[in-house]
Amino acid sequence: MVISNKKSARDPEGETILRDLVNKSGFERSVKSIRAGKYLKVEVEAADEEKAKKLVEKMCNELRIFNPAAHSLTVEVGRISE
């Protein structure tokens, strides 16, 4: 799953990376913005992909793994090769 800041929300981490690393390293002409996020890999057991996705979304919402007011959640389902 990917947790990212909503477009309307400030992204202090991305702004700091852009200002303090990228712009001071000579990339300021090419790199216009950076948005930071979190990537979490969650392995679940479910009857099908849709149920797996719903399970992860429910878990994230109920456990407040992300803040829906400030963040967007993207859940991608893939099979694990054995």
C-alpha atoms as a PDB file:
ATOM      1  CA  MET A   1       0.000   0.000   0.000  1.00  0.00           C
ATOM      2  CA  VAL A   2       1.085   3.551  -0.597  1.00  0.00           C
ATOM      3  CA  ILE A   3       0.242   6.360   1.803  1.00  0.00           C
ATOM      4  CA  SER A   4       0.809   9.800   0.355  1.00  0.00           C
ATOM      5  CA  ASN A   5      -0.076  13.349   1.294  1.00  0.00           C
ATOM      6  CA  LYS A   6      -3.147  14.721  -0.441  1.00  0.00           C
ATOM      7  CA  LYS A   7      -2.355  17.288  -3.132  1.00  0.00           C
ATOM      8  CA  SER A   8      -3.909  20.042  -1.017  1.00  0.00           C
ATOM      9  CA  ALA A   9      -1.799  19.133   2.053  1.00  0.00           C
ATOM     10  CA  ARG A  10       1.688  20.485   2.617  1.00  0.00           C
ATOM     11  CA  ASP A  11       4.482  17.959   2.392  1.00  0.00           C
ATOM     12  CA  PRO A  12       7.277  19.143   4.719  1.00  0.00           C
ATOM     13  CA  GLU A  13       9.411  16.065   4.064  1.00  0.00           C
ATOM     14  CA  GLY A  14       9.213  16.448   0.286  1.00  0.00           C
ATOM     15  CA  GLU A  15       9.836  20.202   0.558  1.00  0.00           C
ATOM     16  CA  THR A  16      12.932  19.614   2.705  1.00  0.00           C
ATOM     17  CA  ILE A  17      14.341  17.028   0.289  1.00  0.00           C
ATOM     18  CA  LEU A  18      13.812  19.430  -2.609  1.00  0.00           C
ATOM     19  CA  ARG A  19      15.203  22.495  -0.821  1.00  0.00           C
ATOM     20  CA  ASP A  20      18.097  21.013   1.149  1.00  0.00           C
ATOM     21  CA  LEU A  21      19.283  18.201  -1.099  1.00  0.00           C
ATOM     22  CA  VAL A  22      18.130  18.536  -4.693  1.00  0.00           C
ATOM     23  CA  ASN A  23      18.392  22.312  -5.127  1.00  0.00           C
ATOM     24  CA  LYS A  24      21.777  22.463  -3.392  1.00  0.00           C
ATOM     25  CA  SER A  25      23.120  19.695  -5.623  1.00  0.00           C
ATOM     26  CA  GLY A  26      22.551  21.323  -9.000  1.00  0.00           C
ATOM     27  CA  PHE A  27      19.289  19.611  -9.981  1.00  0.00           C
ATOM     28  CA  GLU A  28      17.016  22.636  -9.397  1.00  0.00           C
ATOM     29  CA  ARG A  29      16.453  23.281 -13.114  1.00  0.00           C
ATOM     30  CA  SER A  30      15.123  19.785 -13.764  1.00  0.00           C
ATOM     31  CA  VAL A  31      13.330  18.792 -10.549  1.00  0.00           C
ATOM     32  CA  LYS A  32      10.284  20.970  -9.865  1.00  0.00           C
ATOM     33  CA  SER A  33       8.718  19.200  -6.881  1.00  0.00           C
ATOM     34  CA  ILE A  34       9.022  16.165  -4.648  1.00  0.00           C
ATOM     35  CA  ARG A  35       6.222  14.494  -2.692  1.00  0.00           C
ATOM     36  CA  ALA A  36       7.159  12.016   0.022  1.00  0.00           C
ATOM     37  CA  GLY A  37       5.072   9.039   1.058  1.00  0.00           C
ATOM     38  CA  LYS A  38       5.175   5.682   2.766  1.00  0.00           C
ATOM     39  CA  TYR A  39       5.161   2.241   1.241  1.00  0.00           C
ATOM     40  CA  LEU A  40       3.969  -0.678   3.334  1.00  0.00           C
ATOM     41  CA  LYS A  41       3.914  -4.255   2.102  1.00  0.00           C
ATOM     42  CA  VAL A  42       1.205  -6.248   3.867  1.00  0.00           C
ATOM     43  CA  GLU A  43       0.783  -9.972   3.306  1.00  0.00           C
ATOM     44  CA  VAL A  44      -2.732 -11.272   3.979  1.00  0.00           C
ATOM     45  CA  GLU A  45      -4.751 -14.406   3.355  1.00  0.00           C
ATOM     46  CA  ALA A  46      -8.087 -13.916   1.623  1.00  0.00           C
ATOM     47  CA  ALA A  47     -10.446 -15.791  -0.681  1.00  0.00           C
ATOM     48  CA  ASP A  48      -9.757 -13.406  -3.583  1.00  0.00           C
ATOM     49  CA  GLU A  49      -8.011 -10.164  -4.488  1.00  0.00           C
ATOM     50  CA  GLU A  50     -11.034  -7.950  -3.823  1.00  0.00           C
ATOM     51  CA  LYS A  51     -11.444  -9.360  -0.305  1.00  0.00           C
ATOM     52  CA  ALA A  52      -7.723  -8.897   0.340  1.00  0.00           C
ATOM     53  CA  LYS A  53      -7.948  -5.261  -0.749  1.00  0.00           C
ATOM     54  CA  LYS A  54     -11.034  -4.620   1.415  1.00  0.00           C
ATOM     55  CA  LEU A  55      -9.325  -6.256   4.402  1.00  0.00           C
ATOM     56  CA  VAL A  56      -6.251  -4.031   4.117  1.00  0.00           C
ATOM     57  CA  GLU A  57      -8.364  -0.898   3.622  1.00  0.00           C
ATOM     58  CA  LYS A  58     -10.490  -1.767   6.665  1.00  0.00           C
ATOM     59  CA  MET A  59      -7.404  -2.441   8.767  1.00  0.00           C
ATOM     60  CA  CYS A  60      -5.822   0.872   7.751  1.00  0.00           C
ATOM     61  CA  ASN A  61      -8.977   2.823   8.546  1.00  0.00           C
ATOM     62  CA  GLU A  62      -9.793   1.128  11.847  1.00  0.00           C
ATOM     63  CA  LEU A  63      -6.216   1.173  13.166  1.00  0.00           C
ATOM     64  CA  ARG A  64      -5.592   4.714  11.895  1.00  0.00           C
ATOM     65  CA  ILE A  65      -2.483   3.644  10.010  1.00  0.00           C
ATOM     66  CA  PHE A  66      -3.025   6.783   7.935  1.00  0.00           C
ATOM     67  CA  ASN A  67      -4.887  10.047   8.441  1.00  0.00           C
ATOM     68  CA  PRO A  68      -7.674  10.245   5.833  1.00  0.00           C
ATOM     69  CA  ALA A  69      -7.934  14.027   6.302  1.00  0.00           C
ATOM     70  CA  ALA A  70      -4.329  14.551   5.166  1.00  0.00           C
ATOM     71  CA  HIS A  71      -3.347  11.371   3.314  1.00  0.00           C
ATOM     72  CA  SER A  72      -4.490   9.275   0.391  1.00  0.00           C
ATOM     73  CA  LEU A  73      -4.341   5.492   0.536  1.00  0.00           C
ATOM     74  CA  THR A  74      -3.672   3.322  -2.503  1.00  0.00           C
ATOM     75  CA  VAL A  75      -3.916  -0.441  -2.082  1.00  0.00           C
ATOM     76  CA  GLU A  76      -2.540  -2.630  -4.850  1.00  0.00           C
ATOM     77  CA  VAL A  77      -3.051  -6.377  -4.760  1.00  0.00           C
ATOM     78  CA  GLY A  78      -0.501  -8.743  -6.170  1.00  0.00           C
ATOM     79  CA  ARG A  79       0.088 -12.423  -5.803  1.00  0.00           C
ATOM     80  CA  ILE A  80       3.077 -13.737  -3.933  1.00  0.00           C
ATOM     81  CA  SER A  81       4.952 -16.344  -5.890  1.00  0.00           C
ATOM     82  CA  GLU A  82       5.689 -19.452  -3.906  1.00  0.00           C
END
